[in-house]
PDB file of N, CA and C in Angstrom:
ATOM      1  N   UNK A   1       5.328  -1.535 -22.821  1.00  0.00           N
ATOM      2  CA  UNK A   1       3.771  -2.048 -22.353  1.00  0.00           C
ATOM      3  C   UNK A   1       3.769  -1.208 -20.743  1.00  0.00           C
ATOM      4  N   UNK A   2       2.703  -0.594 -20.949  1.00  0.00           N
ATOM      5  CA  UNK A   2       2.048   0.019 -19.467  1.00  0.00           C
ATOM      6  C   UNK A   2       2.287  -0.689 -18.027  1.00  0.00           C
ATOM      7  N   UNK A   3       2.772   0.102 -17.096  1.00  0.00           N
ATOM      8  CA  UNK A   3       2.591  -0.577 -16.023  1.00  0.00           C
ATOM      9  C   UNK A   3       1.287  -1.190 -15.256  1.00  0.00           C
ATOM     10  N   UNK A   4       1.290  -2.134 -14.605  1.00  0.00           N
ATOM     11  CA  UNK A   4      -0.084  -2.657 -14.465  1.00  0.00           C
ATOM     12  C   UNK A   4      -0.658  -1.889 -13.217  1.00  0.00           C
ATOM     13  N   UNK A   5      -1.846  -1.775 -13.151  1.00  0.00           N
ATOM     14  CA  UNK A   5      -2.554  -0.850 -12.141  1.00  0.00           C
ATOM     15  C   UNK A   5      -2.531  -1.534 -10.434  1.00  0.00           C
ATOM     16  N   UNK A   6      -2.313  -2.761 -10.279  1.00  0.00           N
ATOM     17  CA  UNK A   6      -2.207  -3.221  -8.963  1.00  0.00           C
ATOM     18  C   UNK A   6      -0.952  -4.200  -8.655  1.00  0.00           C
ATOM     19  N   UNK A   7      -0.597  -4.229  -7.547  1.00  0.00           N
ATOM     20  CA  UNK A   7       0.652  -5.123  -7.180  1.00  0.00           C
ATOM     21  C   UNK A   7       0.224  -6.018  -6.399  1.00  0.00           C
ATOM     22  N   UNK A   8       1.034  -7.162  -6.602  1.00  0.00           N
ATOM     23  CA  UNK A   8       0.591  -8.381  -6.100  1.00  0.00           C
ATOM     24  C   UNK A   8       1.555  -8.427  -4.888  1.00  0.00           C
ATOM     25  N   UNK A   9       1.256  -9.573  -4.236  1.00  0.00           N
ATOM     26  CA  UNK A   9       1.678  -9.594  -2.742  1.00  0.00           C
ATOM     27  C   UNK A   9       3.406 -10.069  -2.965  1.00  0.00           C
ATOM     28  N   UNK A  10       3.924 -10.848  -3.836  1.00  0.00           N
ATOM     29  CA  UNK A  10       5.208 -10.807  -4.385  1.00  0.00           C
ATOM     30  C   UNK A  10       5.895  -9.598  -4.632  1.00  0.00           C
ATOM     31  N   UNK A  11       5.424  -8.564  -5.528  1.00  0.00           N
ATOM     32  CA  UNK A  11       5.855  -7.383  -5.537  1.00  0.00           C
ATOM     33  C   UNK A  11       6.052  -6.464  -4.407  1.00  0.00           C
ATOM     34  N   UNK A  12       5.283  -6.642  -3.765  1.00  0.00           N
ATOM     35  CA  UNK A  12       5.059  -5.693  -2.629  1.00  0.00           C
ATOM     36  C   UNK A  12       6.153  -5.814  -1.838  1.00  0.00           C
ATOM     37  N   UNK A  13       6.226  -7.451  -1.292  1.00  0.00           N
ATOM     38  CA  UNK A  13       7.416  -8.068  -0.501  1.00  0.00           C
ATOM     39  C   UNK A  13       8.668  -7.828  -1.228  1.00  0.00           C
ATOM     40  N   UNK A  14       8.883  -7.748  -2.628  1.00  0.00           N
ATOM     41  CA  UNK A  14       9.938  -7.397  -3.120  1.00  0.00           C
ATOM     42  C   UNK A  14      10.644  -5.684  -3.049  1.00  0.00           C
ATOM     43  N   UNK A  15       9.637  -5.107  -3.114  1.00  0.00           N
ATOM     44  CA  UNK A  15      10.004  -3.631  -2.891  1.00  0.00           C
ATOM     45  C   UNK A  15      10.282  -3.350  -1.784  1.00  0.00           C
ATOM     46  N   UNK A  16       9.600  -3.548  -0.499  1.00  0.00           N
ATOM     47  CA  UNK A  16      10.068  -3.474   0.497  1.00  0.00           C
ATOM     48  C   UNK A  16      10.807  -4.292   1.452  1.00  0.00           C
ATOM     49  N   UNK A  17      11.315  -5.503   0.764  1.00  0.00           N
ATOM     50  CA  UNK A  17      11.966  -6.465   1.450  1.00  0.00           C
ATOM     51  C   UNK A  17      11.440  -6.954   2.619  1.00  0.00           C
ATOM     52  N   UNK A  18      10.240  -7.474   2.403  1.00  0.00           N
ATOM     53  CA  UNK A  18       9.779  -7.860   3.847  1.00  0.00           C
ATOM     54  C   UNK A  18       9.324  -9.710   3.226  1.00  0.00           C
ATOM     55  N   UNK A  19       8.693 -10.291   4.229  1.00  0.00           N
ATOM     56  CA  UNK A  19       8.274 -11.539   3.817  1.00  0.00           C
ATOM     57  C   UNK A  19       6.808 -11.434   3.055  1.00  0.00           C
ATOM     58  N   UNK A  20       6.567 -12.310   2.345  1.00  0.00           N
ATOM     59  CA  UNK A  20       5.191 -12.683   1.938  1.00  0.00           C
ATOM     60  C   UNK A  20       3.879 -12.414   2.996  1.00  0.00           C
ATOM     61  N   UNK A  21       3.903 -13.211   3.910  1.00  0.00           N
ATOM     62  CA  UNK A  21       3.115 -13.354   4.959  1.00  0.00           C
ATOM     63  C   UNK A  21       3.023 -11.594   5.341  1.00  0.00           C
ATOM     64  N   UNK A  22       4.160 -10.972   5.745  1.00  0.00           N
ATOM     65  CA  UNK A  22       3.945  -9.520   6.239  1.00  0.00           C
ATOM     66  C   UNK A  22       3.191  -8.809   4.700  1.00  0.00           C
ATOM     67  N   UNK A  23       3.821  -9.167   3.814  1.00  0.00           N
ATOM     68  CA  UNK A  23       2.855  -8.313   2.723  1.00  0.00           C
ATOM     69  C   UNK A  23       1.480  -8.394   2.432  1.00  0.00           C
ATOM     70  N   UNK A  24       1.111  -9.577   2.715  1.00  0.00           N
ATOM     71  CA  UNK A  24      -0.325  -9.565   2.838  1.00  0.00           C
ATOM     72  C   UNK A  24      -1.005  -8.932   4.071  1.00  0.00           C
ATOM     73  N   UNK A  25      -0.485  -8.748   5.125  1.00  0.00           N
ATOM     74  CA  UNK A  25      -0.977  -7.838   6.344  1.00  0.00           C
ATOM     75  C   UNK A  25      -0.993  -6.611   6.031  1.00  0.00           C
ATOM     76  N   UNK A  26       0.246  -6.240   5.284  1.00  0.00           N
ATOM     77  CA  UNK A  26      -0.122  -4.489   4.827  1.00  0.00           C
ATOM     78  C   UNK A  26      -1.123  -4.580   3.784  1.00  0.00           C
ATOM     79  N   UNK A  27      -0.949  -5.231   2.685  1.00  0.00           N
ATOM     80  CA  UNK A  27      -1.822  -5.309   1.682  1.00  0.00           C
ATOM     81  C   UNK A  27      -3.665  -4.894   2.200  1.00  0.00           C
ATOM     82  N   UNK A  28      -3.762  -6.058   3.257  1.00  0.00           N
ATOM     83  CA  UNK A  28      -5.116  -5.792   4.057  1.00  0.00           C
ATOM     84  C   UNK A  28      -5.528  -4.400   4.540  1.00  0.00           C
ATOM     85  N   UNK A  29      -4.403  -4.090   5.252  1.00  0.00           N
ATOM     86  CA  UNK A  29      -4.490  -2.604   5.901  1.00  0.00           C
ATOM     87  C   UNK A  29      -4.791  -1.821   5.064  1.00  0.00           C
ATOM     88  N   UNK A  30      -4.225  -1.831   3.890  1.00  0.00           N
ATOM     89  CA  UNK A  30      -4.199  -0.725   2.756  1.00  0.00           C
ATOM     90  C   UNK A  30      -5.433  -0.969   2.174  1.00  0.00           C
ATOM     91  N   UNK A  31      -6.232  -1.990   1.959  1.00  0.00           N
ATOM     92  CA  UNK A  31      -7.047  -2.150   1.280  1.00  0.00           C
ATOM     93  C   UNK A  31      -8.412  -1.839   2.318  1.00  0.00           C
ATOM     94  N   UNK A  32      -8.370  -1.878   3.440  1.00  0.00           N
ATOM     95  CA  UNK A  32      -8.976  -1.483   4.591  1.00  0.00           C
ATOM     96  C   UNK A  32      -9.778   0.140   4.397  1.00  0.00           C
ATOM     97  N   UNK A  33      -8.434   0.548   4.413  1.00  0.00           N
ATOM     98  CA  UNK A  33      -8.216   1.885   4.006  1.00  0.00           C
ATOM     99  C   UNK A  33      -9.142   2.538   2.596  1.00  0.00           C
ATOM    100  N   UNK A  34      -8.599   1.835   1.740  1.00  0.00           N
ATOM    101  CA  UNK A  34      -9.131   1.918   0.657  1.00  0.00           C
ATOM    102  C   UNK A  34     -10.941   2.041   0.483  1.00  0.00           C
ATOM    103  N   UNK A  35     -11.410   0.569   1.288  1.00  0.00           N
ATOM    104  CA  UNK A  35     -12.845   0.379   1.212  1.00  0.00           C
ATOM    105  C   UNK A  35     -13.432   1.463   1.870  1.00  0.00           C
ATOM    106  N   UNK A  36     -12.895   1.977   3.141  1.00  0.00           N
ATOM    107  CA  UNK A  36     -13.578   2.994   3.894  1.00  0.00           C
ATOM    108  C   UNK A  36     -13.885   4.148   3.101  1.00  0.00           C
ATOM    109  N   UNK A  37     -12.957   4.344   1.864  1.00  0.00           N
ATOM    110  CA  UNK A  37     -12.917   5.705   1.254  1.00  0.00           C
ATOM    111  C   UNK A  37     -14.065   5.273   0.017  1.00  0.00           C
ATOM    112  N   UNK A  38     -14.487   4.048  -0.300  1.00  0.00           N
ATOM    113  CA  UNK A  38     -15.611   3.752  -0.977  1.00  0.00           C
ATOM    114  C   UNK A  38     -15.072   2.906  -2.467  1.00  0.00           C
ATOM    115  N   UNK A  39     -13.927   2.497  -2.217  1.00  0.00           N
ATOM    116  CA  UNK A  39     -13.326   1.897  -3.397  1.00  0.00           C
ATOM    117  C   UNK A  39     -13.552   0.549  -3.379  1.00  0.00           C
ATOM    118  N   UNK A  40     -13.448  -0.243  -4.536  1.00  0.00           N
ATOM    119  CA  UNK A  40     -13.867  -1.605  -4.599  1.00  0.00           C
ATOM    120  C   UNK A  40     -12.053  -2.075  -4.686  1.00  0.00           C
ATOM    121  N   UNK A  41     -11.963  -3.242  -3.990  1.00  0.00           N
ATOM    122  CA  UNK A  41     -10.655  -3.836  -3.515  1.00  0.00           C
ATOM    123  C   UNK A  41     -10.518  -5.372  -4.130  1.00  0.00           C
ATOM    124  N   UNK A  42      -9.361  -5.678  -4.178  1.00  0.00           N
ATOM    125  CA  UNK A  42      -9.269  -7.217  -4.637  1.00  0.00           C
ATOM    126  C   UNK A  42      -8.199  -7.853  -3.600  1.00  0.00           C
ATOM    127  N   UNK A  43      -8.707  -8.732  -3.012  1.00  0.00           N
ATOM    128  CA  UNK A  43      -7.789  -9.534  -2.124  1.00  0.00           C
ATOM    129  C   UNK A  43      -6.706  -9.916  -2.879  1.00  0.00           C
ATOM    130  N   UNK A  44      -5.278  -9.749  -2.048  1.00  0.00           N
ATOM    131  CA  UNK A  44      -4.331 -10.000  -2.316  1.00  0.00           C
ATOM    132  C   UNK A  44      -3.247  -8.985  -3.434  1.00  0.00           C
ATOM    133  N   UNK A  45      -3.830  -7.933  -3.505  1.00  0.00           N
ATOM    134  CA  UNK A  45      -3.591  -7.160  -4.484  1.00  0.00           C
ATOM    135  C   UNK A  45      -3.756  -5.238  -3.868  1.00  0.00           C
ATOM    136  N   UNK A  46      -3.034  -4.447  -4.239  1.00  0.00           N
ATOM    137  CA  UNK A  46      -3.259  -3.217  -3.594  1.00  0.00           C
ATOM    138  C   UNK A  46      -3.005  -2.214  -4.585  1.00  0.00           C
ATOM    139  N   UNK A  47      -3.941  -1.201  -5.197  1.00  0.00           N
ATOM    140  CA  UNK A  47      -3.573  -0.215  -6.207  1.00  0.00           C
ATOM    141  C   UNK A  47      -2.075   0.286  -6.208  1.00  0.00           C
ATOM    142  N   UNK A  48      -1.665   0.523  -7.181  1.00  0.00           N
ATOM    143  CA  UNK A  48      -0.202   0.593  -7.382  1.00  0.00           C
ATOM    144  C   UNK A  48      -0.060   1.914  -6.742  1.00  0.00           C
ATOM    145  N   UNK A  49      -0.768   3.351  -7.423  1.00  0.00           N
ATOM    146  CA  UNK A  49      -0.429   4.774  -6.688  1.00  0.00           C
ATOM    147  C   UNK A  49      -0.522   4.804  -5.571  1.00  0.00           C
ATOM    148  N   UNK A  50      -1.857   3.918  -4.678  1.00  0.00           N
ATOM    149  CA  UNK A  50      -2.112   4.196  -3.212  1.00  0.00           C
ATOM    150  C   UNK A  50      -0.748   3.662  -2.465  1.00  0.00           C
ATOM    151  N   UNK A  51      -0.405   2.236  -3.064  1.00  0.00           N
ATOM    152  CA  UNK A  51       0.970   1.667  -2.477  1.00  0.00           C
ATOM    153  C   UNK A  51       2.250   2.976  -2.161  1.00  0.00           C
ATOM    154  N   UNK A  52       2.180   3.495  -3.584  1.00  0.00           N
ATOM    155  CA  UNK A  52       3.514   4.275  -3.384  1.00  0.00           C
ATOM    156  C   UNK A  52       3.426   5.584  -2.365  1.00  0.00           C
ATOM    157  N   UNK A  53       2.304   6.230  -2.485  1.00  0.00           N
ATOM    158  CA  UNK A  53       1.732   7.374  -2.011  1.00  0.00           C
ATOM    159  C   UNK A  53       2.056   6.922  -0.527  1.00  0.00           C
ATOM    160  N   UNK A  54       1.197   5.902  -0.115  1.00  0.00           N
ATOM    161  CA  UNK A  54       1.467   5.464   1.433  1.00  0.00           C
ATOM    162  C   UNK A  54       3.115   5.239   1.987  1.00  0.00           C
ATOM    163  N   UNK A  55       3.643   4.620   0.869  1.00  0.00           N
ATOM    164  CA  UNK A  55       5.065   4.195   1.548  1.00  0.00           C
ATOM    165  C   UNK A  55       6.176   5.196   1.452  1.00  0.00           C
ATOM    166  N   UNK A  56       5.858   6.161  -0.008  1.00  0.00           N
ATOM    167  CA  UNK A  56       7.043   6.749  -0.286  1.00  0.00           C
ATOM    168  C   UNK A  56       6.701   8.379  -0.757  1.00  0.00           C
ATOM    169  N   UNK A  57       5.311   8.860  -0.112  1.00  0.00           N
ATOM    170  CA  UNK A  57       5.231  10.348  -0.031  1.00  0.00           C
ATOM    171  C   UNK A  57       5.390  10.794   1.153  1.00  0.00           C
ATOM    172  N   UNK A  58       6.430  11.639   1.420  1.00  0.00           N
ATOM    173  CA  UNK A  58       6.790  12.536   2.768  1.00  0.00           C
ATOM    174  C   UNK A  58       5.428  13.329   3.515  1.00  0.00           C
ATOM    175  N   UNK A  59       5.375  12.792   4.415  1.00  0.00           N
ATOM    176  CA  UNK A  59       4.113  13.521   5.306  1.00  0.00           C
ATOM    177  C   UNK A  59       4.779  14.927   5.845  1.00  0.00           C
ATOM    178  N   UNK A  60       3.959  16.064   5.853  1.00  0.00           N
ATOM    179  CA  UNK A  60       4.153  17.221   6.400  1.00  0.00           C
ATOM    180  C   UNK A  60       4.706  17.081   7.854  1.00  0.00           C
ATOM    181  N   UNK A  61       6.055  17.668   8.197  1.00  0.00           N
ATOM    182  CA  UNK A  61       6.111  17.459   9.724  1.00  0.00           C
ATOM    183  C   UNK A  61       5.281  18.115  10.553  1.00  0.00           C
ATOM    184  N   UNK A  62       5.166  17.756  11.612  1.00  0.00           N
ATOM    185  CA  UNK A  62       4.143  18.106  12.647  1.00  0.00           C
ATOM    186  C   UNK A  62       4.983  19.089  13.805  1.00  0.00           C
ATOM    187  N   UNK A  63       4.062  20.266  14.146  1.00  0.00           N
ATOM    188  CA  UNK A  63       4.931  20.927  14.822  1.00  0.00           C
ATOM    189  C   UNK A  63       4.950  20.382  16.488  1.00  0.00           C
ATOM    190  N   UNK A  64       5.850  20.234  16.901  1.00  0.00           N
ATOM    191  CA  UNK A  64       6.113  19.870  18.422  1.00  0.00           C
ATOM    192  C   UNK A  64       5.508  21.128  19.485  1.00  0.00           C
ATOM    193  N   UNK A  65       4.882  20.806  20.311  1.00  0.00           N
ATOM    194  CA  UNK A  65       4.742  21.965  21.386  1.00  0.00           C
ATOM    195  C   UNK A  65       5.105  21.452  22.732  1.00  0.00           C
ATOM    196  N   UNK A  66       6.181  22.241  23.518  1.00  0.00           N
ATOM    197  CA  UNK A  66       6.498  21.586  24.595  1.00  0.00           C
ATOM    198  C   UNK A  66       6.238  22.658  25.544  1.00  0.00           C
TER     199      UNK A  66
END
C-alpha cells in the first residue's frame, strides 16, 4: 500500500517524540505557511512531503560576518 499523503497529529507526535498538543501547534504553523503559498490545508493534518522538508532537509549554512 502506498504511503498516505497527509500525516495526522498522532503520527507527527510519534515521529518527533513530542506531545499531541505540541504537534497540533506545529501542524497549525506549517499549514499557515502552506496557506500563504496558496495551498488548501486540512486541520489536524499536514502534507507528508512538506513535513519532511521542514524537519529533515538541511538548510544551507549562512556565512557569518564579523
